[in-house]
Amino acid sequence: MSTSERHVRLFRNGRNQALRIPREYELEGEEAIIRKEGDRLIVEPVRKGRLMAILAAMEPLEETFPDVDDDLPALEDVTL
């Protein structure tokens, strides 16, 4: 984690408050996630493939799922 810091000015862009991110703090990609923790704003780049990494780290489920369509009538073939 970087401990460097820079003083930046806040300005208005229409109805939004904005700031210019100095080049040395530039984030990769085209999108970011912003969240507020107390009086701090945390900005993180959007990481692609994050869901796949989470799913890969999960333990497999041991339980079997019920057959939810067991009581439904058979489907009819439809010609369009």
PDB file of N, CA and C in Angstrom:
ATOM      1  N   MET A   1       0.842  -1.183   0.000  1.00  0.00           N
ATOM      2  CA  MET A   1       0.000   0.000   0.000  1.00  0.00           C
ATOM      3  C   MET A   1       0.882   1.239   0.000  1.00  0.00           C
ATOM      4  N   SER A   2       0.578   2.172  -0.855  1.00  0.00           N
ATOM      5  CA  SER A   2       1.361   3.393  -0.978  1.00  0.00           C
ATOM      6  C   SER A   2       1.016   4.353   0.160  1.00  0.00           C
ATOM      7  N   THR A   3       2.034   4.991   0.708  1.00  0.00           N
ATOM      8  CA  THR A   3       1.799   5.957   1.779  1.00  0.00           C
ATOM      9  C   THR A   3       2.033   7.381   1.298  1.00  0.00           C
ATOM     10  N   SER A   4       2.287   7.558  -0.006  1.00  0.00           N
ATOM     11  CA  SER A   4       2.493   8.913  -0.515  1.00  0.00           C
ATOM     12  C   SER A   4       1.154   9.644  -0.565  1.00  0.00           C
ATOM     13  N   GLU A   5       1.215  10.953  -0.481  1.00  0.00           N
ATOM     14  CA  GLU A   5      -0.008  11.735  -0.544  1.00  0.00           C
ATOM     15  C   GLU A   5       0.246  13.034  -1.277  1.00  0.00           C
ATOM     16  N   ARG A   6      -0.818  13.598  -1.824  1.00  0.00           N
ATOM     17  CA  ARG A   6      -0.757  14.868  -2.539  1.00  0.00           C
ATOM     18  C   ARG A   6      -1.939  15.716  -2.110  1.00  0.00           C
ATOM     19  N   HIS A   7      -1.738  17.002  -2.050  1.00  0.00           N
ATOM     20  CA  HIS A   7      -2.817  17.945  -1.773  1.00  0.00           C
ATOM     21  C   HIS A   7      -3.480  18.269  -3.111  1.00  0.00           C
ATOM     22  N   VAL A   8      -4.789  18.083  -3.206  1.00  0.00           N
ATOM     23  CA  VAL A   8      -5.513  18.397  -4.444  1.00  0.00           C
ATOM     24  C   VAL A   8      -6.675  19.319  -4.120  1.00  0.00           C
ATOM     25  N   ARG A   9      -7.119  20.048  -5.121  1.00  0.00           N
ATOM     26  CA  ARG A   9      -8.262  20.945  -4.951  1.00  0.00           C
ATOM     27  C   ARG A   9      -9.524  20.272  -5.467  1.00  0.00           C
ATOM     28  N   LEU A  10     -10.606  20.518  -4.756  1.00  0.00           N
ATOM     29  CA  LEU A  10     -11.918  20.052  -5.186  1.00  0.00           C
ATOM     30  C   LEU A  10     -12.562  21.156  -6.011  1.00  0.00           C
ATOM     31  N   PHE A  11     -13.364  20.769  -7.004  1.00  0.00           N
ATOM     32  CA  PHE A  11     -14.069  21.746  -7.825  1.00  0.00           C
ATOM     33  C   PHE A  11     -15.430  21.188  -8.207  1.00  0.00           C
ATOM     34  N   ARG A  12     -16.259  22.023  -8.791  1.00  0.00           N
ATOM     35  CA  ARG A  12     -17.594  21.609  -9.220  1.00  0.00           C
ATOM     36  C   ARG A  12     -17.578  21.331 -10.718  1.00  0.00           C
ATOM     37  N   ASN A  13     -18.224  20.228 -11.086  1.00  0.00           N
ATOM     38  CA  ASN A  13     -18.450  19.873 -12.485  1.00  0.00           C
ATOM     39  C   ASN A  13     -19.962  19.702 -12.606  1.00  0.00           C
ATOM     40  N   GLY A  14     -20.649  20.777 -12.976  1.00  0.00           N
ATOM     41  CA  GLY A  14     -22.109  20.767 -12.936  1.00  0.00           C
ATOM     42  C   GLY A  14     -22.556  20.703 -11.486  1.00  0.00           C
ATOM     43  N   ARG A  15     -23.369  19.693 -11.158  1.00  0.00           N
ATOM     44  CA  ARG A  15     -23.841  19.539  -9.784  1.00  0.00           C
ATOM     45  C   ARG A  15     -22.969  18.585  -8.978  1.00  0.00           C
ATOM     46  N   ASN A  16     -21.919  18.048  -9.590  1.00  0.00           N
ATOM     47  CA  ASN A  16     -21.051  17.078  -8.920  1.00  0.00           C
ATOM     48  C   ASN A  16     -19.770  17.726  -8.416  1.00  0.00           C
ATOM     49  N   GLN A  17     -19.307  17.254  -7.278  1.00  0.00           N
ATOM     50  CA  GLN A  17     -17.997  17.659  -6.789  1.00  0.00           C
ATOM     51  C   GLN A  17     -16.975  16.745  -7.450  1.00  0.00           C
ATOM     52  N   ALA A  18     -15.836  17.290  -7.848  1.00  0.00           N
ATOM     53  CA  ALA A  18     -14.831  16.501  -8.564  1.00  0.00           C
ATOM     54  C   ALA A  18     -13.439  16.884  -8.103  1.00  0.00           C
ATOM     55  N   LEU A  19     -12.479  16.056  -8.484  1.00  0.00           N
ATOM     56  CA  LEU A  19     -11.070  16.367  -8.268  1.00  0.00           C
ATOM     57  C   LEU A  19     -10.278  15.760  -9.416  1.00  0.00           C
ATOM     58  N   ARG A  20      -9.128  16.310  -9.692  1.00  0.00           N
ATOM     59  CA  ARG A  20      -8.249  15.750 -10.714  1.00  0.00           C
ATOM     60  C   ARG A  20      -7.300  14.778 -10.024  1.00  0.00           C
ATOM     61  N   ILE A  21      -7.203  13.591 -10.587  1.00  0.00           N
ATOM     62  CA  ILE A  21      -6.311  12.582 -10.015  1.00  0.00           C
ATOM     63  C   ILE A  21      -4.930  12.778 -10.625  1.00  0.00           C
ATOM     64  N   PRO A  22      -3.908  13.039  -9.800  1.00  0.00           N
ATOM     65  CA  PRO A  22      -2.555  13.212 -10.335  1.00  0.00           C
ATOM     66  C   PRO A  22      -2.094  11.961 -11.092  1.00  0.00           C
ATOM     67  N   ARG A  23      -1.254  12.170 -12.079  1.00  0.00           N
ATOM     68  CA  ARG A  23      -0.797  11.092 -12.954  1.00  0.00           C
ATOM     69  C   ARG A  23      -0.223   9.907 -12.180  1.00  0.00           C
ATOM     70  N   GLU A  24       0.513  10.163 -11.111  1.00  0.00           N
ATOM     71  CA  GLU A  24       1.126   9.051 -10.367  1.00  0.00           C
ATOM     72  C   GLU A  24       0.099   8.201  -9.604  1.00  0.00           C
ATOM     73  N   TYR A  25      -1.147   8.680  -9.499  1.00  0.00           N
ATOM     74  CA  TYR A  25      -2.208   7.910  -8.847  1.00  0.00           C
ATOM     75  C   TYR A  25      -3.223   7.356  -9.850  1.00  0.00           C
ATOM     76  N   GLU A  26      -2.931   7.474 -11.126  1.00  0.00           N
ATOM     77  CA  GLU A  26      -3.848   7.030 -12.170  1.00  0.00           C
ATOM     78  C   GLU A  26      -4.232   5.564 -11.995  1.00  0.00           C
ATOM     79  N   LEU A  27      -5.506   5.256 -12.205  1.00  0.00           N
ATOM     80  CA  LEU A  27      -6.007   3.888 -12.111  1.00  0.00           C
ATOM     81  C   LEU A  27      -6.053   3.266 -13.500  1.00  0.00           C
ATOM     82  N   GLU A  28      -5.890   1.945 -13.558  1.00  0.00           N
ATOM     83  CA  GLU A  28      -6.008   1.242 -14.826  1.00  0.00           C
ATOM     84  C   GLU A  28      -7.474   1.117 -15.197  1.00  0.00           C
ATOM     85  N   GLY A  29      -7.745   1.014 -16.488  1.00  0.00           N
ATOM     86  CA  GLY A  29      -9.099   0.749 -16.956  1.00  0.00           C
ATOM     87  C   GLY A  29      -9.918   2.005 -17.166  1.00  0.00           C
ATOM     88  N   GLU A  30     -11.198   1.782 -17.437  1.00  0.00           N
ATOM     89  CA  GLU A  30     -12.131   2.861 -17.757  1.00  0.00           C
ATOM     90  C   GLU A  30     -13.156   3.105 -16.650  1.00  0.00           C
ATOM     91  N   GLU A  31     -13.211   2.221 -15.646  1.00  0.00           N
ATOM     92  CA  GLU A  31     -14.222   2.344 -14.602  1.00  0.00           C
ATOM     93  C   GLU A  31     -13.595   2.177 -13.227  1.00  0.00           C
ATOM     94  N   ALA A  32     -14.278   2.738 -12.224  1.00  0.00           N
ATOM     95  CA  ALA A  32     -13.818   2.608 -10.842  1.00  0.00           C
ATOM     96  C   ALA A  32     -15.028   2.447  -9.930  1.00  0.00           C
ATOM     97  N   ILE A  33     -14.774   1.915  -8.755  1.00  0.00           N
ATOM     98  CA  ILE A  33     -15.782   1.802  -7.704  1.00  0.00           C
ATOM     99  C   ILE A  33     -15.409   2.826  -6.637  1.00  0.00           C
ATOM    100  N   ILE A  34     -16.401   3.591  -6.172  1.00  0.00           N
ATOM    101  CA  ILE A  34     -16.153   4.562  -5.108  1.00  0.00           C
ATOM    102  C   ILE A  34     -17.088   4.232  -3.947  1.00  0.00           C
ATOM    103  N   ARG A  35     -16.559   4.293  -2.742  1.00  0.00           N
ATOM    104  CA  ARG A  35     -17.384   4.064  -1.557  1.00  0.00           C
ATOM    105  C   ARG A  35     -16.927   5.028  -0.460  1.00  0.00           C
ATOM    106  N   LYS A  36     -17.821   5.266   0.471  1.00  0.00           N
ATOM    107  CA  LYS A  36     -17.518   6.181   1.563  1.00  0.00           C
ATOM    108  C   LYS A  36     -17.385   5.385   2.843  1.00  0.00           C
ATOM    109  N   GLU A  37     -16.289   5.595   3.558  1.00  0.00           N
ATOM    110  CA  GLU A  37     -16.052   4.988   4.872  1.00  0.00           C
ATOM    111  C   GLU A  37     -15.789   6.130   5.840  1.00  0.00           C
ATOM    112  N   GLY A  38     -16.796   6.453   6.630  1.00  0.00           N
ATOM    113  CA  GLY A  38     -16.667   7.603   7.528  1.00  0.00           C
ATOM    114  C   GLY A  38     -16.541   8.873   6.703  1.00  0.00           C
ATOM    115  N   ASP A  39     -15.465   9.643   6.928  1.00  0.00           N
ATOM    116  CA  ASP A  39     -15.255  10.857   6.138  1.00  0.00           C
ATOM    117  C   ASP A  39     -14.259  10.628   4.999  1.00  0.00           C
ATOM    118  N   ARG A  40     -13.924   9.381   4.697  1.00  0.00           N
ATOM    119  CA  ARG A  40     -12.979   9.043   3.622  1.00  0.00           C
ATOM    120  C   ARG A  40     -13.721   8.541   2.390  1.00  0.00           C
ATOM    121  N   LEU A  41     -13.189   8.857   1.229  1.00  0.00           N
ATOM    122  CA  LEU A  41     -13.666   8.283  -0.025  1.00  0.00           C
ATOM    123  C   LEU A  41     -12.617   7.294  -0.502  1.00  0.00           C
ATOM    124  N   ILE A  42     -13.035   6.090  -0.808  1.00  0.00           N
ATOM    125  CA  ILE A  42     -12.142   5.038  -1.287  1.00  0.00           C
ATOM    126  C   ILE A  42     -12.476   4.806  -2.757  1.00  0.00           C
ATOM    127  N   VAL A  43     -11.478   4.912  -3.630  1.00  0.00           N
ATOM    128  CA  VAL A  43     -11.666   4.707  -5.063  1.00  0.00           C
ATOM    129  C   VAL A  43     -10.798   3.531  -5.481  1.00  0.00           C
ATOM    130  N   GLU A  44     -11.426   2.525  -6.112  1.00  0.00           N
ATOM    131  CA  GLU A  44     -10.699   1.333  -6.556  1.00  0.00           C
ATOM    132  C   GLU A  44     -11.045   1.041  -8.006  1.00  0.00           C
ATOM    133  N   PRO A  45     -10.090   0.541  -8.771  1.00  0.00           N
ATOM    134  CA  PRO A  45     -10.406   0.177 -10.155  1.00  0.00           C
ATOM    135  C   PRO A  45     -11.352  -1.015 -10.182  1.00  0.00           C
ATOM    136  N   VAL A  46     -12.191  -1.076 -11.208  1.00  0.00           N
ATOM    137  CA  VAL A  46     -13.061  -2.236 -11.406  1.00  0.00           C
ATOM    138  C   VAL A  46     -12.180  -3.359 -11.924  1.00  0.00           C
ATOM    139  N   ARG A  47     -12.202  -4.472 -11.225  1.00  0.00           N
ATOM    140  CA  ARG A  47     -11.385  -5.616 -11.636  1.00  0.00           C
ATOM    141  C   ARG A  47     -12.255  -6.598 -12.400  1.00  0.00           C
ATOM    142  N   LYS A  48     -11.850  -6.917 -13.612  1.00  0.00           N
ATOM    143  CA  LYS A  48     -12.598  -7.867 -14.437  1.00  0.00           C
ATOM    144  C   LYS A  48     -12.373  -9.273 -13.907  1.00  0.00           C
ATOM    145  N   GLY A  49     -13.367 -10.116 -14.052  1.00  0.00           N
ATOM    146  CA  GLY A  49     -13.239 -11.508 -13.650  1.00  0.00           C
ATOM    147  C   GLY A  49     -13.305 -11.734 -12.155  1.00  0.00           C
ATOM    148  N   ARG A  50     -13.723 -10.755 -11.411  1.00  0.00           N
ATOM    149  CA  ARG A  50     -13.750 -10.867  -9.956  1.00  0.00           C
ATOM    150  C   ARG A  50     -14.726 -11.945  -9.486  1.00  0.00           C
ATOM    151  N   LEU A  51     -15.881 -12.043 -10.146  1.00  0.00           N
ATOM    152  CA  LEU A  51     -16.869 -13.040  -9.760  1.00  0.00           C
ATOM    153  C   LEU A  51     -16.320 -14.443  -9.947  1.00  0.00           C
ATOM    154  N   MET A  52     -15.617 -14.678 -11.037  1.00  0.00           N
ATOM    155  CA  MET A  52     -15.056 -16.007 -11.286  1.00  0.00           C
ATOM    156  C   MET A  52     -14.042 -16.379 -10.201  1.00  0.00           C
ATOM    157  N   ALA A  53     -13.255 -15.426  -9.742  1.00  0.00           N
ATOM    158  CA  ALA A  53     -12.282 -15.694  -8.683  1.00  0.00           C
ATOM    159  C   ALA A  53     -12.990 -16.040  -7.372  1.00  0.00           C
ATOM    160  N   ILE A  54     -14.071 -15.344  -7.083  1.00  0.00           N
ATOM    161  CA  ILE A  54     -14.837 -15.626  -5.863  1.00  0.00           C
ATOM    162  C   ILE A  54     -15.457 -17.013  -5.941  1.00  0.00           C
ATOM    163  N   LEU A  55     -16.071 -17.330  -7.081  1.00  0.00           N
ATOM    164  CA  LEU A  55     -16.698 -18.642  -7.239  1.00  0.00           C
ATOM    165  C   LEU A  55     -15.670 -19.766  -7.177  1.00  0.00           C
ATOM    166  N   ALA A  56     -14.492 -19.552  -7.748  1.00  0.00           N
ATOM    167  CA  ALA A  56     -13.449 -20.578  -7.731  1.00  0.00           C
ATOM    168  C   ALA A  56     -12.956 -20.845  -6.312  1.00  0.00           C
ATOM    169  N   ALA A  57     -13.015 -19.843  -5.446  1.00  0.00           N
ATOM    170  CA  ALA A  57     -12.530 -19.997  -4.076  1.00  0.00           C
ATOM    171  C   ALA A  57     -13.566 -20.632  -3.150  1.00  0.00           C
ATOM    172  N   MET A  58     -14.810 -20.734  -3.607  1.00  0.00           N
ATOM    173  CA  MET A  58     -15.870 -21.287  -2.758  1.00  0.00           C
ATOM    174  C   MET A  58     -15.776 -22.803  -2.680  1.00  0.00           C
ATOM    175  N   GLU A  59     -16.186 -23.332  -1.541  1.00  0.00           N
ATOM    176  CA  GLU A  59     -16.259 -24.778  -1.352  1.00  0.00           C
ATOM    177  C   GLU A  59     -17.459 -25.318  -2.124  1.00  0.00           C
ATOM    178  N   PRO A  60     -17.361 -26.508  -2.707  1.00  0.00           N
ATOM    179  CA  PRO A  60     -18.515 -27.066  -3.419  1.00  0.00           C
ATOM    180  C   PRO A  60     -19.652 -27.389  -2.451  1.00  0.00           C
ATOM    181  N   LEU A  61     -20.883 -27.259  -2.939  1.00  0.00           N
ATOM    182  CA  LEU A  61     -22.057 -27.563  -2.118  1.00  0.00           C
ATOM    183  C   LEU A  61     -22.256 -29.066  -2.051  1.00  0.00           C
ATOM    184  N   GLU A  62     -22.524 -29.570  -0.874  1.00  0.00           N
ATOM    185  CA  GLU A  62     -22.735 -31.003  -0.674  1.00  0.00           C
ATOM    186  C   GLU A  62     -24.201 -31.395  -0.844  1.00  0.00           C
ATOM    187  N   GLU A  63     -25.102 -30.447  -0.643  1.00  0.00           N
ATOM    188  CA  GLU A  63     -26.523 -30.770  -0.690  1.00  0.00           C
ATOM    189  C   GLU A  63     -27.009 -30.887  -2.137  1.00  0.00           C
ATOM    190  N   THR A  64     -28.068 -31.654  -2.321  1.00  0.00           N
ATOM    191  CA  THR A  64     -28.676 -31.761  -3.643  1.00  0.00           C
ATOM    192  C   THR A  64     -29.892 -30.853  -3.687  1.00  0.00           C
ATOM    193  N   PHE A  65     -30.146 -30.292  -4.839  1.00  0.00           N
ATOM    194  CA  PHE A  65     -31.274 -29.391  -4.989  1.00  0.00           C
ATOM    195  C   PHE A  65     -32.511 -30.175  -5.405  1.00  0.00           C
ATOM    196  N   PRO A  66     -33.674 -29.793  -4.886  1.00  0.00           N
ATOM    197  CA  PRO A  66     -34.899 -30.516  -5.254  1.00  0.00           C
ATOM    198  C   PRO A  66     -35.255 -30.258  -6.719  1.00  0.00           C
ATOM    199  N   ASP A  67     -35.955 -31.216  -7.320  1.00  0.00           N
ATOM    200  CA  ASP A  67     -36.420 -31.069  -8.690  1.00  0.00           C
ATOM    201  C   ASP A  67     -37.687 -30.220  -8.644  1.00  0.00           C
ATOM    202  N   VAL A  68     -37.566 -28.925  -8.890  1.00  0.00           N
ATOM    203  CA  VAL A  68     -38.674 -27.991  -8.690  1.00  0.00           C
ATOM    204  C   VAL A  68     -39.755 -28.107  -9.752  1.00  0.00           C
ATOM    205  N   ASP A  69     -39.462 -28.692 -10.905  1.00  0.00           N
ATOM    206  CA  ASP A  69     -40.479 -28.817 -11.944  1.00  0.00           C
ATOM    207  C   ASP A  69     -41.063 -30.227 -12.025  1.00  0.00           C
ATOM    208  N   ASP A  70     -40.889 -30.998 -10.987  1.00  0.00           N
ATOM    209  CA  ASP A  70     -41.352 -32.386 -10.948  1.00  0.00           C
ATOM    210  C   ASP A  70     -42.869 -32.492 -11.095  1.00  0.00           C
ATOM    211  N   ASP A  71     -43.620 -31.557 -10.501  1.00  0.00           N
ATOM    212  CA  ASP A  71     -45.085 -31.611 -10.514  1.00  0.00           C
ATOM    213  C   ASP A  71     -45.711 -30.894 -11.711  1.00  0.00           C
ATOM    214  N   LEU A  72     -44.916 -30.291 -12.577  1.00  0.00           N
ATOM    215  CA  LEU A  72     -45.451 -29.533 -13.707  1.00  0.00           C
ATOM    216  C   LEU A  72     -45.800 -30.458 -14.869  1.00  0.00           C
ATOM    217  N   PRO A  73     -46.813 -30.084 -15.663  1.00  0.00           N
ATOM    218  CA  PRO A  73     -47.131 -30.906 -16.840  1.00  0.00           C
ATOM    219  C   PRO A  73     -46.000 -30.822 -17.868  1.00  0.00           C
ATOM    220  N   ALA A  74     -45.940 -31.810 -18.756  1.00  0.00           N
ATOM    221  CA  ALA A  74     -44.894 -31.839 -19.783  1.00  0.00           C
ATOM    222  C   ALA A  74     -45.057 -30.648 -20.727  1.00  0.00           C
ATOM    223  N   LEU A  75     -43.947 -30.166 -21.258  1.00  0.00           N
ATOM    224  CA  LEU A  75     -43.974 -29.054 -22.206  1.00  0.00           C
ATOM    225  C   LEU A  75     -44.498 -29.526 -23.552  1.00  0.00           C
ATOM    226  N   GLU A  76     -45.195 -28.628 -24.244  1.00  0.00           N
ATOM    227  CA  GLU A  76     -45.689 -28.941 -25.578  1.00  0.00           C
ATOM    228  C   GLU A  76     -44.733 -28.357 -26.605  1.00  0.00           C
ATOM    229  N   ASP A  77     -44.515 -29.066 -27.704  1.00  0.00           N
ATOM    230  CA  ASP A  77     -43.705 -28.532 -28.794  1.00  0.00           C
ATOM    231  C   ASP A  77     -44.495 -27.439 -29.497  1.00  0.00           C
ATOM    232  N   VAL A  78     -43.846 -26.315 -29.757  1.00  0.00           N
ATOM    233  CA  VAL A  78     -44.490 -25.183 -30.420  1.00  0.00           C
ATOM    234  C   VAL A  78     -43.729 -24.889 -31.697  1.00  0.00           C
ATOM    235  N   THR A  79     -44.454 -24.749 -32.801  1.00  0.00           N
ATOM    236  CA  THR A  79     -43.840 -24.375 -34.068  1.00  0.00           C
ATOM    237  C   THR A  79     -44.108 -22.899 -34.304  1.00  0.00           C
ATOM    238  N   LEU A  80     -43.059 -22.147 -34.526  1.00  0.00           N
ATOM    239  CA  LEU A  80     -43.212 -20.704 -34.764  1.00  0.00           C
ATOM    240  C   LEU A  80     -43.137 -20.397 -36.229  1.00  0.00           C
TER     241      LEU A  80
END
